[in-house]
Amino acid sequence: MASAAKINWTPLGVAAAIYLAAWGGAVVYLARTGGGWIDAVTVFAIFGVMLSGLAWLLTRGVNAPAIPVARPALESGVLLVYLALYAVLFLVFGMNWARHALPPGREQELLVLALKLSVHVLLPCVLLMLLGAKLRPLFQAGLQGRAFWRTLIALGAVFLLLLANISPSLQQIADTHASPTLLAWAAPASLIWISLEAGLNEEFLYRAVLQTRFAALLKSPAAGIAVTALLFGLAHAPGLYLRGGPGVDGWSADPLQVVAYTIATLSPMGVMFGVIYMRTKSLLLAVLLHGLVDVLPNLADFIRIWA
């Protein structure tokens, strides 16, 4: 583990200052325009501070291997262009097409999963191969010697308890009137599904691909977290603004308010997952923990579609 003397404090300080300024500015804008700034502060406190700190403690002593990045400036630049195209062409038009190409149900869900895997995993891999980057280190599981099970069990339990109390997911699950037998297979199946659809797709693109490039470019793993967390929030803004509507959390007729909302509420989650990945370099751990964050809120819909 790097000592304090080896930490490059300049890019870390600059990136942290930029991140906090962007997040703080987003919260101020939400407060002035009637947005959900209280929720944003709560999310930051829980995920950006407390759970990120817990992840840091749980992964203490881990000596994860570095991810080699041969040409960080070129790779970062190409991936930024790709991310901009992805945010508009896929999150807006691609998802709109998928939701209208097939009626709601299993076939539509499979189509969406295939599209997500293509744009989050397959195409970035093709780009990196064309740039001469190594792909194998991005897929390492890190099952041994990286506090894998300790972190998975402890953080996973916290996520489930937290979401059970702050979200309406338990009532939504009860409203499906699913039997214990049905829940016995649907709960683990839903975890596998959401770990693929949300976990693998987002953690591979944002953490394994983007975060490693920016960490190499800025010569600071922590600075890579800050930049990637902001991009994680910003990339969701076009889709929320153009595909959302009244009743959708974070949507507004004011595009700046939507941008502020995505930065203020989504980027702290990016910070937490960025810490987990930075400390362990385990894609599998990040994917499973992402799935555990999302499984309860999505379980009722999974039962309705697949049961």
C-alpha atoms as a PDB file:
ATOM      1  CA  MET A   1       0.000   0.000   0.000  1.00  0.00           C
ATOM      2  CA  ALA A   2       1.424   3.383  -0.933  1.00  0.00           C
ATOM      3  CA  SER A   3       2.798   5.530   1.860  1.00  0.00           C
ATOM      4  CA  ALA A   4       1.913   9.195   2.281  1.00  0.00           C
ATOM      5  CA  ALA A   5       5.262  10.147   0.775  1.00  0.00           C
ATOM      6  CA  LYS A   6       4.376   8.394  -2.444  1.00  0.00           C
ATOM      7  CA  ILE A   7       0.996  10.032  -2.903  1.00  0.00           C
ATOM      8  CA  ASN A   8       0.901  12.701  -5.573  1.00  0.00           C
ATOM      9  CA  TRP A   9      -1.051  15.295  -3.604  1.00  0.00           C
ATOM     10  CA  THR A  10      -1.298  17.969  -6.314  1.00  0.00           C
ATOM     11  CA  PRO A  11      -3.652  16.212  -8.747  1.00  0.00           C
ATOM     12  CA  LEU A  12      -5.521  14.703  -5.797  1.00  0.00           C
ATOM     13  CA  GLY A  13      -6.107  18.128  -4.245  1.00  0.00           C
ATOM     14  CA  VAL A  14      -7.099  19.706  -7.555  1.00  0.00           C
ATOM     15  CA  ALA A  15      -9.474  16.854  -8.448  1.00  0.00           C
ATOM     16  CA  ALA A  16     -11.028  16.851  -4.963  1.00  0.00           C
ATOM     17  CA  ALA A  17     -11.511  20.618  -5.101  1.00  0.00           C
ATOM     18  CA  ILE A  18     -13.114  20.406  -8.550  1.00  0.00           C
ATOM     19  CA  TYR A  19     -15.389  17.571  -7.449  1.00  0.00           C
ATOM     20  CA  LEU A  20     -16.515  19.324  -4.254  1.00  0.00           C
ATOM     21  CA  ALA A  21     -17.049  22.592  -6.121  1.00  0.00           C
ATOM     22  CA  ALA A  22     -19.151  20.841  -8.784  1.00  0.00           C
ATOM     23  CA  TRP A  23     -21.144  18.877  -6.211  1.00  0.00           C
ATOM     24  CA  GLY A  24     -21.629  21.924  -3.979  1.00  0.00           C
ATOM     25  CA  GLY A  25     -22.654  24.091  -6.924  1.00  0.00           C
ATOM     26  CA  ALA A  26     -25.169  21.440  -7.993  1.00  0.00           C
ATOM     27  CA  VAL A  27     -26.697  21.338  -4.500  1.00  0.00           C
ATOM     28  CA  VAL A  28     -26.932  25.144  -4.347  1.00  0.00           C
ATOM     29  CA  TYR A  29     -28.665  25.211  -7.736  1.00  0.00           C
ATOM     30  CA  LEU A  30     -31.126  22.542  -6.617  1.00  0.00           C
ATOM     31  CA  ALA A  31     -31.872  24.493  -3.449  1.00  0.00           C
ATOM     32  CA  ARG A  32     -32.477  27.728  -5.368  1.00  0.00           C
ATOM     33  CA  THR A  33     -34.696  26.125  -8.004  1.00  0.00           C
ATOM     34  CA  GLY A  34     -36.766  23.866  -5.777  1.00  0.00           C
ATOM     35  CA  GLY A  35     -34.932  20.641  -6.572  1.00  0.00           C
ATOM     36  CA  GLY A  36     -34.311  17.732  -4.222  1.00  0.00           C
ATOM     37  CA  TRP A  37     -31.239  19.136  -2.503  1.00  0.00           C
ATOM     38  CA  ILE A  38     -31.968  17.490   0.851  1.00  0.00           C
ATOM     39  CA  ASP A  39     -31.905  14.045  -0.765  1.00  0.00           C
ATOM     40  CA  ALA A  40     -28.627  14.979  -2.462  1.00  0.00           C
ATOM     41  CA  VAL A  41     -27.006  15.935   0.831  1.00  0.00           C
ATOM     42  CA  THR A  42     -28.284  12.720   2.417  1.00  0.00           C
ATOM     43  CA  VAL A  43     -26.894  10.593  -0.427  1.00  0.00           C
ATOM     44  CA  PHE A  44     -23.537  12.365  -0.182  1.00  0.00           C
ATOM     45  CA  ALA A  45     -23.359  11.850   3.582  1.00  0.00           C
ATOM     46  CA  ILE A  46     -24.278   8.168   3.389  1.00  0.00           C
ATOM     47  CA  PHE A  47     -22.566   6.976   0.218  1.00  0.00           C
ATOM     48  CA  GLY A  48     -19.950   9.624  -0.461  1.00  0.00           C
ATOM     49  CA  VAL A  49     -18.651   9.845   3.112  1.00  0.00           C
ATOM     50  CA  MET A  50     -19.754   7.075   5.483  1.00  0.00           C
ATOM     51  CA  LEU A  51     -19.884   4.085   3.152  1.00  0.00           C
ATOM     52  CA  SER A  52     -16.824   5.226   1.202  1.00  0.00           C
ATOM     53  CA  GLY A  53     -15.005   5.424   4.535  1.00  0.00           C
ATOM     54  CA  LEU A  54     -16.265   1.972   5.507  1.00  0.00           C
ATOM     55  CA  ALA A  55     -15.084   0.584   2.162  1.00  0.00           C
ATOM     56  CA  TRP A  56     -11.658   2.117   2.803  1.00  0.00           C
ATOM     57  CA  LEU A  57     -11.455   0.477   6.242  1.00  0.00           C
ATOM     58  CA  LEU A  58     -12.650  -2.918   5.015  1.00  0.00           C
ATOM     59  CA  THR A  59      -9.998  -2.961   2.287  1.00  0.00           C
ATOM     60  CA  ARG A  60      -7.120  -1.929   4.545  1.00  0.00           C
ATOM     61  CA  GLY A  61      -3.941  -3.861   3.935  1.00  0.00           C
ATOM     62  CA  VAL A  62      -4.940  -4.748   0.383  1.00  0.00           C
ATOM     63  CA  ASN A  63      -2.119  -4.624  -2.145  1.00  0.00           C
ATOM     64  CA  ALA A  64      -3.971  -4.789  -5.445  1.00  0.00           C
ATOM     65  CA  PRO A  65      -1.929  -4.855  -8.668  1.00  0.00           C
ATOM     66  CA  ALA A  66      -1.799  -1.745 -10.801  1.00  0.00           C
ATOM     67  CA  ILE A  67      -3.768  -1.661 -14.055  1.00  0.00           C
ATOM     68  CA  PRO A  68      -1.312  -0.926 -16.910  1.00  0.00           C
ATOM     69  CA  VAL A  69      -2.251   1.984 -19.160  1.00  0.00           C
ATOM     70  CA  ALA A  70       0.270   2.510 -21.944  1.00  0.00           C
ATOM     71  CA  ARG A  71      -1.090   5.745 -23.476  1.00  0.00           C
ATOM     72  CA  PRO A  72      -3.301   7.441 -20.881  1.00  0.00           C
ATOM     73  CA  ALA A  73      -3.799  10.735 -22.745  1.00  0.00           C
ATOM     74  CA  LEU A  74      -4.840   9.090 -26.020  1.00  0.00           C
ATOM     75  CA  GLU A  75      -7.005   6.450 -24.345  1.00  0.00           C
ATOM     76  CA  SER A  76      -8.692   8.997 -22.066  1.00  0.00           C
ATOM     77  CA  GLY A  77      -9.425  11.330 -24.981  1.00  0.00           C
ATOM     78  CA  VAL A  78     -10.904   8.596 -27.168  1.00  0.00           C
ATOM     79  CA  LEU A  79     -13.026   7.288 -24.306  1.00  0.00           C
ATOM     80  CA  LEU A  80     -14.325  10.769 -23.484  1.00  0.00           C
ATOM     81  CA  VAL A  81     -15.569  11.114 -27.065  1.00  0.00           C
ATOM     82  CA  TYR A  82     -17.123   7.657 -26.787  1.00  0.00           C
ATOM     83  CA  LEU A  83     -18.795   8.582 -23.483  1.00  0.00           C
ATOM     84  CA  ALA A  84     -20.333  11.720 -25.016  1.00  0.00           C
ATOM     85  CA  LEU A  85     -21.737   9.707 -27.920  1.00  0.00           C
ATOM     86  CA  TYR A  86     -22.932   6.994 -25.538  1.00  0.00           C
ATOM     87  CA  ALA A  87     -24.759   9.495 -23.320  1.00  0.00           C
ATOM     88  CA  VAL A  88     -26.813  10.796 -26.234  1.00  0.00           C
ATOM     89  CA  LEU A  89     -27.022   8.034 -28.820  1.00  0.00           C
ATOM     90  CA  PHE A  90     -27.552   5.149 -26.399  1.00  0.00           C
ATOM     91  CA  LEU A  91     -29.046   6.567 -23.191  1.00  0.00           C
ATOM     92  CA  VAL A  92     -31.531   8.674 -25.169  1.00  0.00           C
ATOM     93  CA  PHE A  93     -32.177   7.244 -28.626  1.00  0.00           C
ATOM     94  CA  GLY A  94     -30.995   3.681 -28.106  1.00  0.00           C
ATOM     95  CA  MET A  95     -33.028   3.127 -24.959  1.00  0.00           C
ATOM     96  CA  ASN A  96     -36.064   4.811 -26.496  1.00  0.00           C
ATOM     97  CA  TRP A  97     -35.833   2.465 -29.488  1.00  0.00           C
ATOM     98  CA  ALA A  98     -35.469  -0.610 -27.261  1.00  0.00           C
ATOM     99  CA  ARG A  99     -38.491   0.351 -25.164  1.00  0.00           C
ATOM    100  CA  HIS A 100     -40.649   0.726 -28.289  1.00  0.00           C
ATOM    101  CA  ALA A 101     -39.248  -2.095 -30.426  1.00  0.00           C
ATOM    102  CA  LEU A 102     -40.861  -4.746 -28.246  1.00  0.00           C
ATOM    103  CA  PRO A 103     -43.752  -4.687 -25.765  1.00  0.00           C
ATOM    104  CA  PRO A 104     -42.854  -4.668 -22.059  1.00  0.00           C
ATOM    105  CA  GLY A 105     -41.899  -8.123 -20.899  1.00  0.00           C
ATOM    106  CA  ARG A 106     -39.157 -10.727 -21.057  1.00  0.00           C
ATOM    107  CA  GLU A 107     -38.180 -10.154 -24.682  1.00  0.00           C
ATOM    108  CA  GLN A 108     -37.801  -6.416 -24.125  1.00  0.00           C
ATOM    109  CA  GLU A 109     -35.681  -7.003 -21.022  1.00  0.00           C
ATOM    110  CA  LEU A 110     -33.393  -9.362 -22.943  1.00  0.00           C
ATOM    111  CA  LEU A 111     -33.052  -6.834 -25.772  1.00  0.00           C
ATOM    112  CA  VAL A 112     -32.138  -4.066 -23.325  1.00  0.00           C
ATOM    113  CA  LEU A 113     -29.590  -6.312 -21.616  1.00  0.00           C
ATOM    114  CA  ALA A 114     -27.982  -7.180 -24.953  1.00  0.00           C
ATOM    115  CA  LEU A 115     -27.764  -3.509 -25.925  1.00  0.00           C
ATOM    116  CA  LYS A 116     -26.285  -2.536 -22.563  1.00  0.00           C
ATOM    117  CA  LEU A 117     -23.642  -5.245 -22.737  1.00  0.00           C
ATOM    118  CA  SER A 118     -22.750  -4.086 -26.242  1.00  0.00           C
ATOM    119  CA  VAL A 119     -22.237  -0.412 -25.409  1.00  0.00           C
ATOM    120  CA  HIS A 120     -20.814  -0.794 -21.887  1.00  0.00           C
ATOM    121  CA  VAL A 121     -18.537  -3.798 -22.369  1.00  0.00           C
ATOM    122  CA  LEU A 122     -18.128  -4.961 -25.978  1.00  0.00           C
ATOM    123  CA  LEU A 123     -17.534  -1.632 -27.741  1.00  0.00           C
ATOM    124  CA  PRO A 124     -15.160  -0.251 -25.048  1.00  0.00           C
ATOM    125  CA  CYS A 125     -13.181  -3.499 -25.308  1.00  0.00           C
ATOM    126  CA  VAL A 126     -12.965  -3.072 -29.093  1.00  0.00           C
ATOM    127  CA  LEU A 127     -11.785   0.527 -28.679  1.00  0.00           C
ATOM    128  CA  LEU A 128      -9.142  -0.445 -26.139  1.00  0.00           C
ATOM    129  CA  MET A 129      -7.888  -3.290 -28.326  1.00  0.00           C
ATOM    130  CA  LEU A 130      -7.582  -0.903 -31.281  1.00  0.00           C
ATOM    131  CA  LEU A 131      -5.556   1.400 -29.032  1.00  0.00           C
ATOM    132  CA  GLY A 132      -3.287  -1.465 -28.033  1.00  0.00           C
ATOM    133  CA  ALA A 133      -4.478  -1.684 -24.423  1.00  0.00           C
ATOM    134  CA  LYS A 134      -4.497  -4.908 -22.416  1.00  0.00           C
ATOM    135  CA  LEU A 135      -7.955  -6.203 -21.538  1.00  0.00           C
ATOM    136  CA  ARG A 136      -7.224  -9.103 -19.215  1.00  0.00           C
ATOM    137  CA  PRO A 137      -6.295  -6.974 -16.151  1.00  0.00           C
ATOM    138  CA  LEU A 138      -9.690  -5.243 -16.361  1.00  0.00           C
ATOM    139  CA  PHE A 139     -11.562  -8.503 -15.739  1.00  0.00           C
ATOM    140  CA  GLN A 140      -9.650  -9.791 -12.725  1.00  0.00           C
ATOM    141  CA  ALA A 141     -11.878 -11.165  -9.948  1.00  0.00           C
ATOM    142  CA  GLY A 142      -9.520 -10.567  -7.041  1.00  0.00           C
ATOM    143  CA  LEU A 143     -10.909 -13.418  -4.955  1.00  0.00           C
ATOM    144  CA  GLN A 144      -7.722 -13.982  -2.965  1.00  0.00           C
ATOM    145  CA  GLY A 145      -5.754 -11.619  -0.788  1.00  0.00           C
ATOM    146  CA  ARG A 146      -7.842  -8.503  -1.392  1.00  0.00           C
ATOM    147  CA  ALA A 147     -10.321  -8.627   1.511  1.00  0.00           C
ATOM    148  CA  PHE A 148     -12.897  -9.767  -1.046  1.00  0.00           C
ATOM    149  CA  TRP A 149     -15.272 -11.713   1.165  1.00  0.00           C
ATOM    150  CA  ARG A 150     -14.952  -9.379   4.149  1.00  0.00           C
ATOM    151  CA  THR A 151     -15.865  -6.384   2.013  1.00  0.00           C
ATOM    152  CA  LEU A 152     -18.615  -8.171   0.092  1.00  0.00           C
ATOM    153  CA  ILE A 153     -20.375  -9.505   3.198  1.00  0.00           C
ATOM    154  CA  ALA A 154     -20.049  -6.393   5.352  1.00  0.00           C
ATOM    155  CA  LEU A 155     -20.923  -3.784   2.725  1.00  0.00           C
ATOM    156  CA  GLY A 156     -23.563  -6.034   1.142  1.00  0.00           C
ATOM    157  CA  ALA A 157     -25.335  -6.419   4.498  1.00  0.00           C
ATOM    158  CA  VAL A 158     -25.222  -2.651   5.051  1.00  0.00           C
ATOM    159  CA  PHE A 159     -26.667  -2.006   1.580  1.00  0.00           C
ATOM    160  CA  LEU A 160     -29.546  -4.432   2.092  1.00  0.00           C
ATOM    161  CA  LEU A 161     -30.415  -3.074   5.537  1.00  0.00           C
ATOM    162  CA  LEU A 162     -30.185   0.516   4.310  1.00  0.00           C
ATOM    163  CA  LEU A 163     -32.372  -0.008   1.238  1.00  0.00           C
ATOM    164  CA  ALA A 164     -34.888  -2.034   3.244  1.00  0.00           C
ATOM    165  CA  ASN A 165     -35.400   0.996   5.494  1.00  0.00           C
ATOM    166  CA  ILE A 166     -35.107   4.010   3.188  1.00  0.00           C
ATOM    167  CA  SER A 167     -36.852   2.645   0.074  1.00  0.00           C
ATOM    168  CA  PRO A 168     -40.397   1.306  -0.428  1.00  0.00           C
ATOM    169  CA  SER A 169     -38.970  -1.931  -1.843  1.00  0.00           C
ATOM    170  CA  LEU A 170     -40.206  -4.276   0.890  1.00  0.00           C
ATOM    171  CA  GLN A 171     -43.784  -3.053   0.506  1.00  0.00           C
ATOM    172  CA  GLN A 172     -43.510  -3.336  -3.266  1.00  0.00           C
ATOM    173  CA  ILE A 173     -42.294  -6.920  -2.903  1.00  0.00           C
ATOM    174  CA  ALA A 174     -45.156  -7.698  -0.497  1.00  0.00           C
ATOM    175  CA  ASP A 175     -47.636  -6.271  -3.012  1.00  0.00           C
ATOM    176  CA  THR A 176     -46.620  -8.962  -5.522  1.00  0.00           C
ATOM    177  CA  HIS A 177     -48.001 -11.611  -3.094  1.00  0.00           C
ATOM    178  CA  ALA A 178     -45.060 -13.838  -3.994  1.00  0.00           C
ATOM    179  CA  SER A 179     -44.916 -17.130  -2.089  1.00  0.00           C
ATOM    180  CA  PRO A 180     -41.830 -18.100  -0.020  1.00  0.00           C
ATOM    181  CA  THR A 181     -40.995 -20.697  -2.668  1.00  0.00           C
ATOM    182  CA  LEU A 182     -41.120 -18.073  -5.404  1.00  0.00           C
ATOM    183  CA  LEU A 183     -38.979 -15.655  -3.391  1.00  0.00           C
ATOM    184  CA  ALA A 184     -36.455 -18.412  -2.699  1.00  0.00           C
ATOM    185  CA  TRP A 185     -35.468 -18.542  -6.386  1.00  0.00           C
ATOM    186  CA  ALA A 186     -36.500 -15.050  -7.494  1.00  0.00           C
ATOM    187  CA  ALA A 187     -34.286 -13.203  -4.990  1.00  0.00           C
ATOM    188  CA  PRO A 188     -30.973 -14.806  -6.062  1.00  0.00           C
ATOM    189  CA  ALA A 189     -32.038 -14.788  -9.716  1.00  0.00           C
ATOM    190  CA  SER A 190     -32.842 -11.084  -9.463  1.00  0.00           C
ATOM    191  CA  LEU A 191     -29.432 -10.436  -7.901  1.00  0.00           C
ATOM    192  CA  ILE A 192     -27.711 -12.206 -10.790  1.00  0.00           C
ATOM    193  CA  TRP A 193     -29.788 -10.311 -13.339  1.00  0.00           C
ATOM    194  CA  ILE A 194     -29.278  -6.845 -11.847  1.00  0.00           C
ATOM    195  CA  SER A 195     -25.573  -7.581 -11.286  1.00  0.00           C
ATOM    196  CA  LEU A 196     -25.293  -8.157 -15.033  1.00  0.00           C
ATOM    197  CA  GLU A 197     -27.619  -5.417 -16.258  1.00  0.00           C
ATOM    198  CA  ALA A 198     -26.464  -2.639 -13.934  1.00  0.00           C
ATOM    199  CA  GLY A 199     -23.408  -3.939 -12.090  1.00  0.00           C
ATOM    200  CA  LEU A 200     -21.249  -5.362 -14.875  1.00  0.00           C
ATOM    201  CA  ASN A 201     -22.206  -2.720 -17.404  1.00  0.00           C
ATOM    202  CA  GLU A 202     -21.630   0.355 -15.262  1.00  0.00           C
ATOM    203  CA  GLU A 203     -18.693  -0.918 -13.210  1.00  0.00           C
ATOM    204  CA  PHE A 204     -16.784  -2.100 -16.260  1.00  0.00           C
ATOM    205  CA  LEU A 205     -17.247   1.117 -18.237  1.00  0.00           C
ATOM    206  CA  TYR A 206     -16.861   3.634 -15.434  1.00  0.00           C
ATOM    207  CA  ARG A 207     -14.481   1.932 -13.024  1.00  0.00           C
ATOM    208  CA  ALA A 208     -12.415  -0.649 -14.934  1.00  0.00           C
ATOM    209  CA  VAL A 209     -12.134   1.414 -18.126  1.00  0.00           C
ATOM    210  CA  LEU A 210     -12.587   5.132 -17.416  1.00  0.00           C
ATOM    211  CA  GLN A 211     -11.300   5.352 -13.846  1.00  0.00           C
ATOM    212  CA  THR A 212      -8.097   3.479 -14.655  1.00  0.00           C
ATOM    213  CA  ARG A 213      -7.401   5.765 -17.642  1.00  0.00           C
ATOM    214  CA  PHE A 214      -7.911   8.984 -15.655  1.00  0.00           C
ATOM    215  CA  ALA A 215      -5.951   7.658 -12.696  1.00  0.00           C
ATOM    216  CA  ALA A 216      -3.005   7.037 -15.047  1.00  0.00           C
ATOM    217  CA  LEU A 217      -3.471  10.365 -16.834  1.00  0.00           C
ATOM    218  CA  LEU A 218      -3.572  12.372 -13.590  1.00  0.00           C
ATOM    219  CA  LYS A 219      -0.997  10.154 -11.861  1.00  0.00           C
ATOM    220  CA  SER A 220      -3.346   9.793  -8.919  1.00  0.00           C
ATOM    221  CA  PRO A 221      -5.834   6.941  -8.260  1.00  0.00           C
ATOM    222  CA  ALA A 222      -7.922   9.184  -6.002  1.00  0.00           C
ATOM    223  CA  ALA A 223      -8.075  11.903  -8.663  1.00  0.00           C
ATOM    224  CA  GLY A 224      -9.288   9.244 -11.081  1.00  0.00           C
ATOM    225  CA  ILE A 225     -12.171   8.519  -8.704  1.00  0.00           C
ATOM    226  CA  ALA A 226     -13.205  12.184  -8.504  1.00  0.00           C
ATOM    227  CA  VAL A 227     -13.202  12.746 -12.265  1.00  0.00           C
ATOM    228  CA  THR A 228     -14.980   9.487 -13.044  1.00  0.00           C
ATOM    229  CA  ALA A 229     -17.635  10.097 -10.382  1.00  0.00           C
ATOM    230  CA  LEU A 230     -18.509  13.426 -12.020  1.00  0.00           C
ATOM    231  CA  LEU A 231     -18.646  11.809 -15.459  1.00  0.00           C
ATOM    232  CA  PHE A 232     -20.847   9.050 -14.023  1.00  0.00           C
ATOM    233  CA  GLY A 233     -23.374  11.642 -12.917  1.00  0.00           C
ATOM    234  CA  LEU A 234     -23.159  13.831 -16.018  1.00  0.00           C
ATOM    235  CA  ALA A 235     -23.573  10.935 -18.446  1.00  0.00           C
ATOM    236  CA  HIS A 236     -27.029  10.207 -17.020  1.00  0.00           C
ATOM    237  CA  ALA A 237     -28.333  13.755 -17.507  1.00  0.00           C
ATOM    238  CA  PRO A 238     -29.301  13.583 -21.232  1.00  0.00           C
ATOM    239  CA  GLY A 239     -31.260  10.373 -20.755  1.00  0.00           C
ATOM    240  CA  LEU A 240     -33.075  11.653 -17.671  1.00  0.00           C
ATOM    241  CA  TYR A 241     -33.967  14.961 -19.314  1.00  0.00           C
ATOM    242  CA  LEU A 242     -35.104  13.583 -22.683  1.00  0.00           C
ATOM    243  CA  ARG A 243     -36.636  10.277 -21.570  1.00  0.00           C
ATOM    244  CA  GLY A 244     -37.993  11.348 -18.191  1.00  0.00           C
ATOM    245  CA  GLY A 245     -41.150  13.216 -17.326  1.00  0.00           C
ATOM    246  CA  PRO A 246     -43.348  14.346 -14.427  1.00  0.00           C
ATOM    247  CA  GLY A 247     -43.180  11.817 -11.628  1.00  0.00           C
ATOM    248  CA  VAL A 248     -39.666  10.603 -12.503  1.00  0.00           C
ATOM    249  CA  ASP A 249     -37.139  11.351  -9.752  1.00  0.00           C
ATOM    250  CA  GLY A 250     -34.826  14.167 -10.785  1.00  0.00           C
ATOM    251  CA  TRP A 251     -36.665  15.138 -13.957  1.00  0.00           C
ATOM    252  CA  SER A 252     -37.329  18.809 -14.620  1.00  0.00           C
ATOM    253  CA  ALA A 253     -38.224  21.047 -17.546  1.00  0.00           C
ATOM    254  CA  ASP A 254     -35.031  22.920 -16.624  1.00  0.00           C
ATOM    255  CA  PRO A 255     -32.087  21.002 -18.140  1.00  0.00           C
ATOM    256  CA  LEU A 256     -29.629  22.638 -15.715  1.00  0.00           C
ATOM    257  CA  GLN A 257     -31.634  21.303 -12.798  1.00  0.00           C
ATOM    258  CA  VAL A 258     -31.436  17.806 -14.280  1.00  0.00           C
ATOM    259  CA  VAL A 259     -27.656  18.147 -14.647  1.00  0.00           C
ATOM    260  CA  ALA A 260     -27.434  19.402 -11.060  1.00  0.00           C
ATOM    261  CA  TYR A 261     -29.535  16.487  -9.840  1.00  0.00           C
ATOM    262  CA  THR A 262     -27.412  13.834 -11.554  1.00  0.00           C
ATOM    263  CA  ILE A 263     -24.176  15.344 -10.230  1.00  0.00           C
ATOM    264  CA  ALA A 264     -25.520  15.826  -6.716  1.00  0.00           C
ATOM    265  CA  THR A 265     -27.216  12.443  -6.280  1.00  0.00           C
ATOM    266  CA  LEU A 266     -25.365  10.010  -8.565  1.00  0.00           C
ATOM    267  CA  SER A 267     -21.751  11.091  -8.279  1.00  0.00           C
ATOM    268  CA  PRO A 268     -21.467  10.173  -4.546  1.00  0.00           C
ATOM    269  CA  MET A 269     -22.358   6.603  -5.532  1.00  0.00           C
ATOM    270  CA  GLY A 270     -19.570   6.816  -8.098  1.00  0.00           C
ATOM    271  CA  VAL A 271     -17.167   7.912  -5.350  1.00  0.00           C
ATOM    272  CA  MET A 272     -18.053   4.897  -3.203  1.00  0.00           C
ATOM    273  CA  PHE A 273     -17.686   2.361  -6.008  1.00  0.00           C
ATOM    274  CA  GLY A 274     -14.556   4.155  -7.150  1.00  0.00           C
ATOM    275  CA  VAL A 275     -12.991   3.653  -3.714  1.00  0.00           C
ATOM    276  CA  ILE A 276     -13.915  -0.044  -3.749  1.00  0.00           C
ATOM    277  CA  TYR A 277     -12.382  -0.550  -7.184  1.00  0.00           C
ATOM    278  CA  MET A 278      -9.309   1.597  -6.517  1.00  0.00           C
ATOM    279  CA  ARG A 279      -8.468  -0.382  -3.381  1.00  0.00           C
ATOM    280  CA  THR A 280      -9.098  -3.898  -4.750  1.00  0.00           C
ATOM    281  CA  LYS A 281      -8.987  -3.750  -8.573  1.00  0.00           C
ATOM    282  CA  SER A 282     -11.669  -6.460  -8.360  1.00  0.00           C
ATOM    283  CA  LEU A 283     -14.315  -6.046 -11.044  1.00  0.00           C
ATOM    284  CA  LEU A 284     -16.299  -8.947  -9.568  1.00  0.00           C
ATOM    285  CA  LEU A 285     -16.475  -7.305  -6.144  1.00  0.00           C
ATOM    286  CA  ALA A 286     -17.668  -3.994  -7.603  1.00  0.00           C
ATOM    287  CA  VAL A 287     -20.242  -5.790  -9.772  1.00  0.00           C
ATOM    288  CA  LEU A 288     -21.699  -7.833  -6.910  1.00  0.00           C
ATOM    289  CA  LEU A 289     -21.867  -4.868  -4.545  1.00  0.00           C
ATOM    290  CA  HIS A 290     -23.564  -2.794  -7.245  1.00  0.00           C
ATOM    291  CA  GLY A 291     -26.079  -5.609  -7.620  1.00  0.00           C
ATOM    292  CA  LEU A 292     -26.714  -5.650  -3.862  1.00  0.00           C
ATOM    293  CA  VAL A 293     -27.464  -1.916  -3.946  1.00  0.00           C
ATOM    294  CA  ASP A 294     -30.064  -2.396  -6.680  1.00  0.00           C
ATOM    295  CA  VAL A 295     -31.579  -5.805  -5.955  1.00  0.00           C
ATOM    296  CA  LEU A 296     -34.289  -4.846  -3.424  1.00  0.00           C
ATOM    297  CA  PRO A 297     -35.667  -1.854  -5.382  1.00  0.00           C
ATOM    298  CA  ASN A 298     -35.828  -4.021  -8.534  1.00  0.00           C
ATOM    299  CA  LEU A 299     -37.037  -7.329  -7.068  1.00  0.00           C
ATOM    300  CA  ALA A 300     -40.782  -6.586  -7.382  1.00  0.00           C
ATOM    301  CA  ASP A 301     -40.450  -5.776 -11.095  1.00  0.00           C
ATOM    302  CA  PHE A 302     -38.316  -8.879 -11.618  1.00  0.00           C
ATOM    303  CA  ILE A 303     -41.034 -11.043 -10.063  1.00  0.00           C
ATOM    304  CA  ARG A 304     -43.742  -9.483 -12.238  1.00  0.00           C
ATOM    305  CA  ILE A 305     -41.749 -10.011 -15.429  1.00  0.00           C
ATOM    306  CA  TRP A 306     -40.106 -13.379 -14.888  1.00  0.00           C
ATOM    307  CA  ALA A 307     -42.437 -15.262 -12.490  1.00  0.00           C
END
